[in-house]
N, C-alpha and C. Protein backbone atom coordinates (compact mmCIF):
# COMPACT_ATOMS: atom_id res chain seq x y z
N MET A 1 79.66 98.67 91.58
CA MET A 1 81.01 99.00 92.22
C MET A 1 81.48 100.14 91.45
N LEU A 2 81.89 101.24 92.35
CA LEU A 2 82.81 102.23 91.88
C LEU A 2 84.07 102.07 91.41
N ASN A 3 84.29 102.51 90.18
CA ASN A 3 85.74 102.19 89.75
C ASN A 3 86.30 103.64 88.92
N SER A 4 87.21 104.13 89.47
CA SER A 4 87.75 105.49 89.12
C SER A 4 88.23 105.45 87.72
N GLY A 5 88.47 104.21 87.14
CA GLY A 5 89.05 104.05 85.73
C GLY A 5 88.09 104.26 84.67
N ASN A 6 86.79 104.00 85.11
CA ASN A 6 85.72 104.37 84.12
C ASN A 6 84.69 105.19 84.50
N THR A 7 85.08 106.18 85.42
CA THR A 7 83.93 106.92 86.05
C THR A 7 84.20 108.44 85.37
N PRO A 8 83.06 108.94 84.48
CA PRO A 8 83.25 110.17 83.82
C PRO A 8 83.12 111.33 84.66
N LEU A 9 83.42 112.58 84.32
CA LEU A 9 83.15 113.72 84.94
C LEU A 9 83.77 114.06 86.25
N LEU A 10 84.90 113.56 86.56
CA LEU A 10 85.73 113.95 87.72
C LEU A 10 86.25 115.09 87.67
N TYR A 11 86.28 115.91 88.95
CA TYR A 11 86.91 117.10 88.87
C TYR A 11 87.82 117.43 89.95
N PRO A 12 88.89 117.97 89.78
CA PRO A 12 89.86 117.95 90.81
C PRO A 12 89.58 119.07 91.72
N VAL A 13 90.09 118.71 92.99
CA VAL A 13 90.02 119.89 94.01
C VAL A 13 91.19 119.69 94.97
N ARG A 14 91.74 120.90 95.12
CA ARG A 14 93.02 121.16 96.02
C ARG A 14 92.55 122.14 97.12
N ILE A 15 92.96 121.61 98.29
CA ILE A 15 92.73 122.49 99.62
C ILE A 15 93.98 122.43 100.35
N VAL A 16 94.38 123.61 100.82
CA VAL A 16 95.60 123.97 101.90
C VAL A 16 95.08 124.04 103.09
N CYS A 17 95.43 123.15 104.09
CA CYS A 17 95.05 123.06 105.45
C CYS A 17 96.15 123.99 106.19
N PRO A 18 95.91 124.98 106.80
CA PRO A 18 96.96 125.72 107.55
C PRO A 18 97.72 125.03 108.74
N GLN A 19 98.87 125.47 108.99
CA GLN A 19 99.74 124.82 110.12
C GLN A 19 99.06 125.16 111.37
N GLY A 20 99.24 123.83 112.14
CA GLY A 20 98.62 123.87 113.64
C GLY A 20 97.08 123.98 113.72
N VAL A 21 96.32 123.86 112.55
CA VAL A 21 94.93 123.91 112.77
C VAL A 21 94.27 122.48 112.28
N THR A 22 93.08 122.16 112.95
CA THR A 22 92.44 121.20 112.42
C THR A 22 91.29 121.54 111.41
N THR A 23 91.36 120.77 110.43
CA THR A 23 90.45 121.23 109.22
C THR A 23 89.63 119.98 108.77
N SER A 24 88.16 120.38 108.96
CA SER A 24 87.37 119.45 108.63
C SER A 24 86.82 119.70 107.11
N ILE A 25 86.66 118.68 106.40
CA ILE A 25 85.99 118.88 104.99
C ILE A 25 84.97 117.89 104.68
N SER A 26 83.88 118.51 104.26
CA SER A 26 82.57 117.74 104.02
C SER A 26 82.58 117.68 102.44
N PHE A 27 82.87 116.72 101.77
CA PHE A 27 82.96 116.73 100.21
C PHE A 27 81.39 116.91 99.71
N PRO A 28 80.34 116.44 100.21
CA PRO A 28 79.02 116.44 99.81
C PRO A 28 78.62 117.78 99.90
N ASP A 29 78.98 118.42 101.04
CA ASP A 29 78.33 120.00 101.51
C ASP A 29 79.17 120.92 100.77
N GLN A 30 80.43 120.76 100.84
CA GLN A 30 81.39 121.90 100.37
C GLN A 30 81.69 121.74 98.62
N PHE A 31 81.56 120.54 98.04
CA PHE A 31 82.01 120.29 96.83
C PHE A 31 80.73 119.51 96.06
N LEU A 32 79.53 119.42 96.61
CA LEU A 32 78.42 118.71 96.03
C LEU A 32 78.92 117.47 95.28
N GLY A 33 79.76 116.71 95.89
CA GLY A 33 80.02 115.33 95.47
C GLY A 33 80.83 114.55 96.45
N ARG A 34 81.06 113.28 96.07
CA ARG A 34 82.01 112.40 96.93
C ARG A 34 83.34 112.27 96.23
N CYS A 35 84.50 112.32 97.10
CA CYS A 35 85.64 112.08 96.71
C CYS A 35 85.95 110.64 96.52
N ILE A 36 86.74 110.17 95.40
CA ILE A 36 86.80 108.68 95.17
C ILE A 36 88.42 108.61 95.16
N ASN A 37 89.24 109.67 94.91
CA ASN A 37 90.81 109.39 95.11
C ASN A 37 91.34 110.63 95.83
N LEU A 38 92.19 110.33 96.75
CA LEU A 38 92.75 111.31 97.58
C LEU A 38 94.27 111.19 97.80
N LYS A 39 94.94 112.25 97.87
CA LYS A 39 96.15 112.52 98.04
C LYS A 39 96.45 113.61 99.20
N ILE A 40 97.05 113.07 100.30
CA ILE A 40 97.32 114.10 101.51
C ILE A 40 98.94 114.21 101.44
N THR A 41 99.44 115.26 101.39
CA THR A 41 100.63 115.54 101.53
C THR A 41 100.99 116.61 102.79
N ASN A 42 102.08 116.19 103.50
CA ASN A 42 102.44 116.87 104.75
C ASN A 42 103.62 117.57 104.33
N ASN A 43 103.35 119.14 104.17
CA ASN A 43 104.50 119.99 103.88
C ASN A 43 105.27 120.42 105.13
N ASP A 44 105.05 120.06 106.29
CA ASP A 44 105.90 120.16 107.46
C ASP A 44 107.08 119.48 107.63
N GLY A 45 108.25 119.97 107.39
CA GLY A 45 109.46 119.27 107.37
C GLY A 45 109.92 118.70 108.72
N THR A 46 109.18 119.08 109.88
CA THR A 46 109.55 118.68 111.27
C THR A 46 108.50 117.94 111.92
N ASN A 47 107.38 118.30 111.75
CA ASN A 47 106.17 117.70 112.58
C ASN A 47 105.30 116.60 111.87
N ALA A 48 104.81 115.75 112.35
CA ALA A 48 103.83 114.79 111.69
C ALA A 48 102.49 115.42 111.62
N ALA A 49 101.75 115.21 110.74
CA ALA A 49 100.22 115.46 110.53
C ALA A 49 99.58 114.17 110.77
N SER A 50 98.08 114.29 111.05
CA SER A 50 97.19 113.03 111.03
C SER A 50 96.01 113.37 110.27
N TYR A 51 95.20 112.40 109.93
CA TYR A 51 94.12 112.60 109.16
C TYR A 51 93.08 111.28 109.32
N ASP A 52 92.04 111.61 109.25
CA ASP A 52 90.96 110.66 109.45
C ASP A 52 89.69 110.92 108.39
N TYR A 53 89.16 109.72 107.86
CA TYR A 53 88.27 110.00 106.66
C TYR A 53 86.97 109.18 107.04
N ASN A 54 85.80 109.78 106.60
CA ASN A 54 84.61 108.97 106.93
C ASN A 54 84.09 109.01 108.38
N LEU A 55 84.76 109.85 109.19
CA LEU A 55 84.33 110.03 110.69
C LEU A 55 84.29 108.63 111.35
N ASN A 56 85.43 107.85 111.16
CA ASN A 56 85.68 106.62 111.73
C ASN A 56 86.40 106.70 113.14
N GLY A 57 86.89 107.85 113.33
CA GLY A 57 87.49 108.15 114.71
C GLY A 57 88.78 107.38 114.77
N VAL A 58 89.62 107.00 113.86
CA VAL A 58 90.88 106.31 114.05
C VAL A 58 91.86 107.23 113.15
N PHE A 59 92.66 107.98 113.66
CA PHE A 59 93.47 108.92 113.10
C PHE A 59 94.79 108.21 112.42
N ALA A 60 95.07 108.39 111.22
CA ALA A 60 96.31 107.73 110.60
C ALA A 60 97.35 109.01 110.67
N ASN A 61 98.74 108.34 111.06
CA ASN A 61 99.82 109.46 111.24
C ASN A 61 100.56 109.56 109.75
N LEU A 62 100.81 110.80 109.63
CA LEU A 62 101.45 111.14 108.39
C LEU A 62 102.79 111.81 108.79
N PRO A 63 104.03 111.07 108.63
CA PRO A 63 105.24 111.63 109.07
C PRO A 63 105.44 113.02 108.32
N SER A 64 106.57 113.69 108.79
CA SER A 64 106.94 114.90 108.13
C SER A 64 107.42 114.75 106.62
N SER A 65 107.16 115.76 105.76
CA SER A 65 107.55 115.60 104.33
C SER A 65 107.23 114.29 103.58
N THR A 66 105.99 113.76 103.97
CA THR A 66 105.46 112.69 103.19
C THR A 66 104.13 112.98 102.77
N PHE A 67 103.56 111.79 101.99
CA PHE A 67 102.30 111.78 101.47
C PHE A 67 101.58 110.57 101.76
N ALA A 68 100.35 110.40 101.71
CA ALA A 68 99.48 109.16 101.67
C ALA A 68 98.37 109.31 100.60
N THR A 69 97.96 108.15 100.17
CA THR A 69 96.78 108.17 99.13
C THR A 69 95.74 107.26 99.62
N VAL A 70 94.60 107.70 99.27
CA VAL A 70 93.50 106.69 99.36
C VAL A 70 92.90 106.59 98.09
N ASP A 71 92.85 105.31 97.37
CA ASP A 71 92.42 105.21 96.04
C ASP A 71 91.21 104.33 96.08
N ASN A 72 90.25 104.68 95.11
CA ASN A 72 89.19 103.83 94.73
C ASN A 72 88.31 103.66 95.91
N ALA A 73 87.95 104.67 96.68
CA ALA A 73 87.17 104.71 97.75
C ALA A 73 86.13 105.71 97.81
N VAL A 74 85.15 105.54 98.44
CA VAL A 74 84.23 106.71 98.52
C VAL A 74 84.49 107.53 99.92
N ILE A 75 84.76 108.62 99.76
CA ILE A 75 85.08 109.52 101.06
C ILE A 75 84.14 110.80 101.01
N ASN A 76 83.37 110.88 102.13
CA ASN A 76 82.43 111.82 102.23
C ASN A 76 83.05 112.93 103.30
N TYR A 77 83.75 112.44 104.22
CA TYR A 77 84.22 113.41 105.22
C TYR A 77 85.80 113.28 105.59
N LEU A 78 86.46 114.21 105.71
CA LEU A 78 88.07 114.14 106.03
C LEU A 78 88.34 115.22 107.00
N THR A 79 88.94 114.77 108.04
CA THR A 79 89.56 115.79 109.01
C THR A 79 91.00 115.62 108.98
N VAL A 80 91.65 116.59 108.96
CA VAL A 80 93.23 116.80 108.87
C VAL A 80 93.61 117.81 110.06
N ILE A 81 94.55 117.08 110.93
CA ILE A 81 95.39 117.87 111.88
C ILE A 81 96.80 118.13 111.37
N ALA A 82 97.09 119.51 111.02
CA ALA A 82 98.44 119.85 110.48
C ALA A 82 99.31 120.07 111.49
N GLY A 83 100.65 119.93 111.34
CA GLY A 83 101.57 120.02 112.33
C GLY A 83 101.81 121.60 112.45
N ALA A 84 102.64 121.84 113.33
CA ALA A 84 102.88 123.36 113.88
C ALA A 84 103.75 124.25 112.92
N ALA A 85 104.57 123.55 112.10
CA ALA A 85 105.34 124.26 111.29
C ALA A 85 105.18 124.27 109.97
N GLY A 86 103.90 123.62 109.37
CA GLY A 86 103.81 123.63 107.85
C GLY A 86 102.53 123.18 107.65
N THR A 87 102.08 123.43 106.48
CA THR A 87 100.73 123.04 105.84
C THR A 87 100.44 121.61 105.27
N VAL A 88 99.28 121.35 105.09
CA VAL A 88 98.91 119.80 104.51
C VAL A 88 98.15 120.21 103.31
N LEU A 89 98.48 119.68 102.13
CA LEU A 89 97.84 119.83 100.99
C LEU A 89 96.98 118.57 100.77
N ILE A 90 95.81 118.89 100.40
CA ILE A 90 94.67 117.73 100.14
C ILE A 90 94.35 118.10 98.50
N GLU A 91 94.75 116.92 97.79
CA GLU A 91 94.36 116.89 96.25
C GLU A 91 93.32 115.79 96.19
N ALA A 92 92.16 115.96 95.64
CA ALA A 92 91.03 114.93 95.42
C ALA A 92 90.61 115.02 94.16
N GLN A 93 90.11 113.85 93.87
CA GLN A 93 89.14 113.81 92.75
C GLN A 93 87.72 113.35 93.17
N VAL A 94 86.88 114.46 92.71
CA VAL A 94 85.50 114.51 93.23
C VAL A 94 84.57 113.88 92.12
N LEU A 95 83.56 113.16 92.50
CA LEU A 95 82.61 112.71 91.45
C LEU A 95 81.42 113.40 91.79
N PRO A 96 80.77 114.29 90.85
CA PRO A 96 79.73 115.20 91.36
C PRO A 96 78.35 114.28 91.75
N ALA A 97 77.62 114.86 92.67
CA ALA A 97 76.62 114.09 93.17
C ALA A 97 75.48 113.80 92.01
N ALA A 98 74.92 112.82 92.12
CA ALA A 98 73.76 112.50 91.05
C ALA A 98 72.52 113.35 91.25
N ARG A 99 71.92 113.96 90.36
CA ARG A 99 70.45 114.57 90.65
C ARG A 99 69.47 113.71 90.31
N THR A 100 68.65 113.58 91.31
CA THR A 100 67.43 112.69 91.22
C THR A 100 66.31 113.52 90.79
N GLU A 101 66.34 114.79 91.02
CA GLU A 101 65.14 115.51 90.81
C GLU A 101 65.61 116.61 89.78
N GLN A 102 64.55 117.00 88.95
CA GLN A 102 64.89 117.95 87.95
C GLN A 102 64.88 119.41 88.61
N PRO A 103 65.73 120.38 88.38
CA PRO A 103 65.58 121.73 89.06
C PRO A 103 64.38 122.22 88.69
N ILE A 104 63.75 123.16 89.46
CA ILE A 104 62.58 123.89 89.18
C ILE A 104 63.02 125.34 88.60
N GLU A 105 62.32 125.47 87.52
CA GLU A 105 62.76 126.72 86.91
C GLU A 105 61.75 127.59 87.10
N VAL A 106 62.27 128.85 87.78
CA VAL A 106 61.30 129.95 88.01
C VAL A 106 61.53 131.24 87.06
N GLN A 107 60.36 131.70 86.46
CA GLN A 107 60.52 132.83 85.54
C GLN A 107 60.07 133.93 86.40
N VAL A 108 60.82 135.08 86.19
CA VAL A 108 60.68 136.31 86.97
C VAL A 108 60.10 137.24 86.02
């Protein structure tokens, strides 16, 4: 079981999603790891934002000027739809992907 309390080598990631835009994040592809803790902050003072994680197709509503957290989970994909008047800030703790193969050293 993955437990963020005793998992070493986490690194923080911050992403700003522009206003009025849908942002898709793939943690394995973009950050070479999996997100295990996530905070989503809606900086729009007027409009709600919405988010979906792990491509489940069910978007959660995030009212204006609020935040939501997802803790002790394995998140590979995140989709955020920001409101028209403000950004959404994503703060994540990423666990680096395990290397199963040794890198090949090439001498030039």
